[in-house]
């Protein structure tokens, strides 16, 4: 099942507290970038972020975005824009530090 454009639009609206969020279509799903850092995606109408040390404190459930992929964290409370902002910023900071 591919992600609906309605859900994609809803998720992108939740990121309004962050500048520089971009979304790229990929085989019916969407990759999400913050300041050009790939931090997650929207898969089957689910928002998932990469697993890094700094976002473990949010106690998110692991989920597989698609067959054969590495596990990612499922963001359940997409409506909480402040927490969502923190998750994205901390995830991207960890990802940029690893480069």
N, C-alpha and C. Protein backbone atom coordinates (compact mmCIF):
# COMPACT_ATOMS: atom_id res chain seq x y z
N UNK A 1 0.84 -1.18 0.00
CA UNK A 1 0.00 0.00 0.00
C UNK A 1 0.89 1.24 0.00
N UNK A 2 0.67 2.12 -0.90
CA UNK A 2 1.44 3.36 -0.97
C UNK A 2 0.81 4.42 -0.07
N UNK A 3 1.61 5.40 0.27
CA UNK A 3 1.14 6.51 1.10
C UNK A 3 0.21 7.40 0.28
N UNK A 4 -0.86 7.84 0.91
CA UNK A 4 -1.78 8.76 0.23
C UNK A 4 -1.22 10.18 0.24
N UNK A 5 -1.59 10.94 -0.77
CA UNK A 5 -1.15 12.33 -0.83
C UNK A 5 -1.75 13.13 0.33
N UNK A 6 -2.92 12.74 0.78
CA UNK A 6 -3.55 13.43 1.91
C UNK A 6 -2.72 13.26 3.19
N UNK A 7 -2.25 12.05 3.42
CA UNK A 7 -1.43 11.82 4.62
C UNK A 7 -0.10 12.54 4.49
N UNK A 8 0.51 12.49 3.32
CA UNK A 8 1.76 13.22 3.08
C UNK A 8 1.57 14.72 3.39
N UNK A 9 0.49 15.30 2.87
CA UNK A 9 0.23 16.72 3.10
C UNK A 9 0.02 17.01 4.59
N UNK A 10 -0.69 16.10 5.28
CA UNK A 10 -0.91 16.27 6.72
C UNK A 10 0.42 16.27 7.47
N UNK A 11 1.28 15.31 7.17
CA UNK A 11 2.58 15.23 7.86
C UNK A 11 3.40 16.48 7.57
N UNK A 12 3.45 16.92 6.33
CA UNK A 12 4.22 18.10 5.99
C UNK A 12 3.70 19.35 6.71
N UNK A 13 2.39 19.44 6.91
CA UNK A 13 1.82 20.55 7.68
C UNK A 13 2.30 20.52 9.13
N UNK A 14 2.51 19.32 9.68
CA UNK A 14 2.95 19.20 11.07
C UNK A 14 4.39 19.70 11.25
N UNK A 15 5.13 19.80 10.18
CA UNK A 15 6.51 20.27 10.24
C UNK A 15 6.62 21.79 10.10
N UNK A 16 5.52 22.52 10.22
CA UNK A 16 5.57 23.96 9.96
C UNK A 16 6.47 24.72 10.93
N UNK A 17 6.84 24.13 12.06
CA UNK A 17 7.75 24.78 13.01
C UNK A 17 9.21 24.71 12.55
N UNK A 18 9.46 23.93 11.51
CA UNK A 18 10.82 23.76 11.00
C UNK A 18 10.94 24.35 9.60
N UNK A 19 12.02 25.08 9.37
CA UNK A 19 12.33 25.53 8.01
C UNK A 19 13.16 24.44 7.34
N UNK A 20 13.20 24.46 6.05
CA UNK A 20 14.07 23.58 5.28
C UNK A 20 13.70 22.10 5.32
N UNK A 21 12.43 21.79 5.48
CA UNK A 21 11.96 20.41 5.33
C UNK A 21 11.65 20.20 3.85
N UNK A 22 12.20 19.15 3.28
CA UNK A 22 11.87 18.81 1.91
C UNK A 22 11.40 17.36 1.85
N UNK A 23 10.62 17.08 0.84
CA UNK A 23 10.01 15.78 0.67
C UNK A 23 10.22 15.34 -0.77
N UNK A 24 10.73 14.13 -0.95
CA UNK A 24 10.96 13.60 -2.29
C UNK A 24 10.21 12.29 -2.46
N UNK A 25 9.49 12.18 -3.55
CA UNK A 25 8.73 10.98 -3.85
C UNK A 25 9.68 9.85 -4.26
N UNK A 26 9.40 8.65 -3.73
CA UNK A 26 10.23 7.49 -4.05
C UNK A 26 9.34 6.25 -4.08
N UNK A 27 8.99 5.79 -5.26
CA UNK A 27 8.21 4.56 -5.45
C UNK A 27 6.94 4.52 -4.61
N UNK A 28 6.16 5.57 -4.63
CA UNK A 28 4.89 5.61 -3.92
C UNK A 28 5.00 6.02 -2.47
N UNK A 29 6.21 6.21 -2.00
CA UNK A 29 6.44 6.66 -0.63
C UNK A 29 7.21 7.98 -0.68
N UNK A 30 7.58 8.52 0.48
CA UNK A 30 8.21 9.84 0.51
C UNK A 30 9.40 9.87 1.46
N UNK A 31 10.53 10.37 0.98
CA UNK A 31 11.72 10.56 1.80
C UNK A 31 11.69 11.97 2.36
N UNK A 32 12.07 12.11 3.63
CA UNK A 32 12.04 13.42 4.30
C UNK A 32 13.44 13.88 4.65
N UNK A 33 13.71 15.14 4.37
CA UNK A 33 15.01 15.75 4.62
C UNK A 33 14.83 17.01 5.45
N UNK A 34 15.78 17.26 6.33
CA UNK A 34 15.84 18.51 7.07
C UNK A 34 17.24 19.06 6.87
N UNK A 35 17.33 20.26 6.32
CA UNK A 35 18.64 20.85 5.98
C UNK A 35 19.48 19.88 5.15
N UNK A 36 18.84 19.24 4.19
CA UNK A 36 19.48 18.30 3.26
C UNK A 36 19.98 17.01 3.92
N UNK A 37 19.51 16.70 5.12
CA UNK A 37 19.87 15.46 5.80
C UNK A 37 18.65 14.53 5.77
N UNK A 38 18.81 13.36 5.19
CA UNK A 38 17.73 12.38 5.16
C UNK A 38 17.52 11.83 6.56
N UNK A 39 16.36 12.13 7.16
CA UNK A 39 16.11 11.70 8.53
C UNK A 39 14.99 10.68 8.65
N UNK A 40 14.21 10.51 7.61
CA UNK A 40 13.10 9.58 7.71
C UNK A 40 12.26 9.57 6.46
N UNK A 41 11.05 9.08 6.61
CA UNK A 41 10.16 9.03 5.47
C UNK A 41 8.73 8.71 5.88
N UNK A 42 7.89 8.76 4.89
CA UNK A 42 6.48 8.41 5.08
C UNK A 42 6.25 7.14 4.27
N UNK A 43 5.92 6.06 4.96
CA UNK A 43 5.76 4.75 4.35
C UNK A 43 4.41 4.17 4.77
N UNK A 44 3.59 3.82 3.81
CA UNK A 44 2.27 3.22 4.09
C UNK A 44 1.50 4.05 5.11
N UNK A 45 1.46 5.36 4.90
CA UNK A 45 0.75 6.29 5.80
C UNK A 45 1.27 6.21 7.23
N UNK A 46 2.58 6.04 7.38
CA UNK A 46 3.24 6.05 8.69
C UNK A 46 4.47 6.94 8.60
N UNK A 47 4.68 7.79 9.60
CA UNK A 47 5.88 8.62 9.68
C UNK A 47 6.95 7.84 10.44
N UNK A 48 8.09 7.60 9.78
CA UNK A 48 9.19 6.87 10.38
C UNK A 48 10.45 7.72 10.35
N UNK A 49 11.26 7.62 11.40
CA UNK A 49 12.55 8.33 11.46
C UNK A 49 13.66 7.32 11.71
N UNK A 50 14.85 7.67 11.25
CA UNK A 50 16.00 6.81 11.47
C UNK A 50 16.28 6.66 12.96
N UNK A 51 16.81 5.53 13.34
CA UNK A 51 17.17 5.26 14.73
C UNK A 51 18.57 5.78 14.99
N UNK A 52 18.68 6.70 15.95
CA UNK A 52 19.97 7.24 16.40
C UNK A 52 19.93 7.32 17.93
N UNK A 53 21.08 7.49 18.55
CA UNK A 53 21.15 7.51 20.01
C UNK A 53 20.24 8.57 20.64
N UNK A 54 20.23 9.75 20.06
CA UNK A 54 19.51 10.86 20.70
C UNK A 54 17.99 10.72 20.65
N UNK A 55 17.44 9.94 19.73
CA UNK A 55 15.98 9.84 19.70
C UNK A 55 15.44 8.59 20.41
N UNK A 56 16.33 7.82 21.03
CA UNK A 56 15.88 6.65 21.79
C UNK A 56 15.07 7.05 23.01
N UNK A 57 15.32 8.24 23.54
CA UNK A 57 14.63 8.70 24.75
C UNK A 57 13.13 8.91 24.54
N UNK A 58 12.68 8.95 23.30
CA UNK A 58 11.25 9.14 23.02
C UNK A 58 10.47 7.84 23.08
N UNK A 59 11.17 6.72 23.30
CA UNK A 59 10.53 5.41 23.46
C UNK A 59 9.57 5.08 22.31
N UNK A 60 10.01 5.33 21.09
CA UNK A 60 9.19 5.01 19.94
C UNK A 60 9.36 3.54 19.58
N UNK A 61 8.36 3.00 18.97
CA UNK A 61 8.35 1.60 18.57
C UNK A 61 9.12 1.45 17.25
N UNK A 62 9.90 0.37 17.15
CA UNK A 62 10.59 0.08 15.89
C UNK A 62 9.58 -0.46 14.88
N UNK A 63 9.82 -0.09 13.62
CA UNK A 63 8.95 -0.55 12.55
C UNK A 63 9.79 -0.69 11.28
N UNK A 64 9.41 -1.60 10.43
CA UNK A 64 10.11 -1.82 9.16
C UNK A 64 9.36 -1.04 8.08
N UNK A 65 10.04 -0.12 7.38
CA UNK A 65 9.35 0.69 6.37
C UNK A 65 8.88 -0.13 5.16
N UNK A 66 9.69 -1.10 4.75
CA UNK A 66 9.35 -1.97 3.62
C UNK A 66 10.23 -3.22 3.72
N UNK A 67 9.86 -4.26 3.02
CA UNK A 67 10.60 -5.53 3.08
C UNK A 67 12.08 -5.32 2.78
N UNK A 68 12.93 -5.86 3.64
CA UNK A 68 14.36 -5.80 3.44
C UNK A 68 15.04 -4.54 3.97
N UNK A 69 14.27 -3.62 4.52
CA UNK A 69 14.83 -2.36 5.03
C UNK A 69 15.23 -2.50 6.50
N UNK A 70 16.12 -1.60 6.93
CA UNK A 70 16.49 -1.54 8.35
C UNK A 70 15.32 -0.99 9.15
N UNK A 71 15.21 -1.38 10.41
CA UNK A 71 14.14 -0.83 11.25
C UNK A 71 14.31 0.68 11.43
N UNK A 72 13.20 1.33 11.62
CA UNK A 72 13.16 2.76 11.91
C UNK A 72 12.20 2.95 13.07
N UNK A 73 12.16 4.16 13.62
CA UNK A 73 11.19 4.45 14.68
C UNK A 73 9.91 5.00 14.09
N UNK A 74 8.79 4.50 14.60
CA UNK A 74 7.47 4.96 14.21
C UNK A 74 7.07 6.13 15.09
N UNK A 75 6.76 7.25 14.47
CA UNK A 75 6.27 8.43 15.21
C UNK A 75 4.76 8.32 15.26
N UNK A 76 4.24 8.02 16.45
CA UNK A 76 2.80 7.82 16.61
C UNK A 76 2.08 9.16 16.80
N UNK A 77 2.65 10.03 17.60
CA UNK A 77 2.00 11.30 17.93
C UNK A 77 2.44 12.40 16.96
N UNK A 78 2.02 12.28 15.73
CA UNK A 78 2.39 13.24 14.69
C UNK A 78 1.76 14.61 14.97
N UNK A 79 0.69 14.65 15.74
CA UNK A 79 0.03 15.91 16.05
C UNK A 79 0.82 16.79 17.02
N UNK A 80 1.73 16.22 17.78
CA UNK A 80 2.51 16.99 18.75
C UNK A 80 3.68 17.65 18.02
N UNK A 81 3.45 18.86 17.53
CA UNK A 81 4.42 19.53 16.67
C UNK A 81 5.72 19.88 17.39
N UNK A 82 5.66 20.22 18.66
CA UNK A 82 6.87 20.55 19.41
C UNK A 82 7.78 19.33 19.57
N UNK A 83 7.18 18.20 19.95
CA UNK A 83 7.96 16.97 20.09
C UNK A 83 8.49 16.52 18.73
N UNK A 84 7.67 16.64 17.71
CA UNK A 84 8.09 16.28 16.36
C UNK A 84 9.30 17.11 15.94
N UNK A 85 9.26 18.39 16.23
CA UNK A 85 10.39 19.28 15.92
C UNK A 85 11.65 18.81 16.64
N UNK A 86 11.53 18.49 17.92
CA UNK A 86 12.69 18.03 18.70
C UNK A 86 13.25 16.73 18.13
N UNK A 87 12.37 15.81 17.79
CA UNK A 87 12.82 14.53 17.23
C UNK A 87 13.61 14.75 15.96
N UNK A 88 13.11 15.58 15.07
CA UNK A 88 13.78 15.83 13.79
C UNK A 88 15.13 16.50 14.01
N UNK A 89 15.17 17.53 14.84
CA UNK A 89 16.42 18.25 15.08
C UNK A 89 17.47 17.34 15.71
N UNK A 90 17.09 16.58 16.73
CA UNK A 90 18.04 15.70 17.41
C UNK A 90 18.49 14.56 16.49
N UNK A 91 17.58 14.01 15.71
CA UNK A 91 17.94 12.94 14.78
C UNK A 91 18.94 13.45 13.75
N UNK A 92 18.68 14.61 13.20
CA UNK A 92 19.58 15.17 12.18
C UNK A 92 20.93 15.56 12.77
N UNK A 93 20.93 16.03 14.00
CA UNK A 93 22.21 16.37 14.63
C UNK A 93 23.08 15.12 14.76
N UNK A 94 22.47 14.03 15.23
CA UNK A 94 23.21 12.76 15.34
C UNK A 94 23.69 12.27 13.97
N UNK A 95 22.83 12.37 12.97
CA UNK A 95 23.20 11.91 11.64
C UNK A 95 24.33 12.75 11.05
N UNK A 96 24.30 14.07 11.28
CA UNK A 96 25.36 14.92 10.74
C UNK A 96 26.67 14.73 11.51
N UNK A 97 26.59 14.40 12.80
CA UNK A 97 27.78 14.15 13.59
C UNK A 97 28.50 12.88 13.15
N UNK A 98 27.75 11.92 12.61
CA UNK A 98 28.32 10.65 12.19
C UNK A 98 29.07 10.76 10.86
N UNK A 99 28.83 11.84 10.12
CA UNK A 99 29.50 12.00 8.82
C UNK A 99 30.94 12.35 8.97
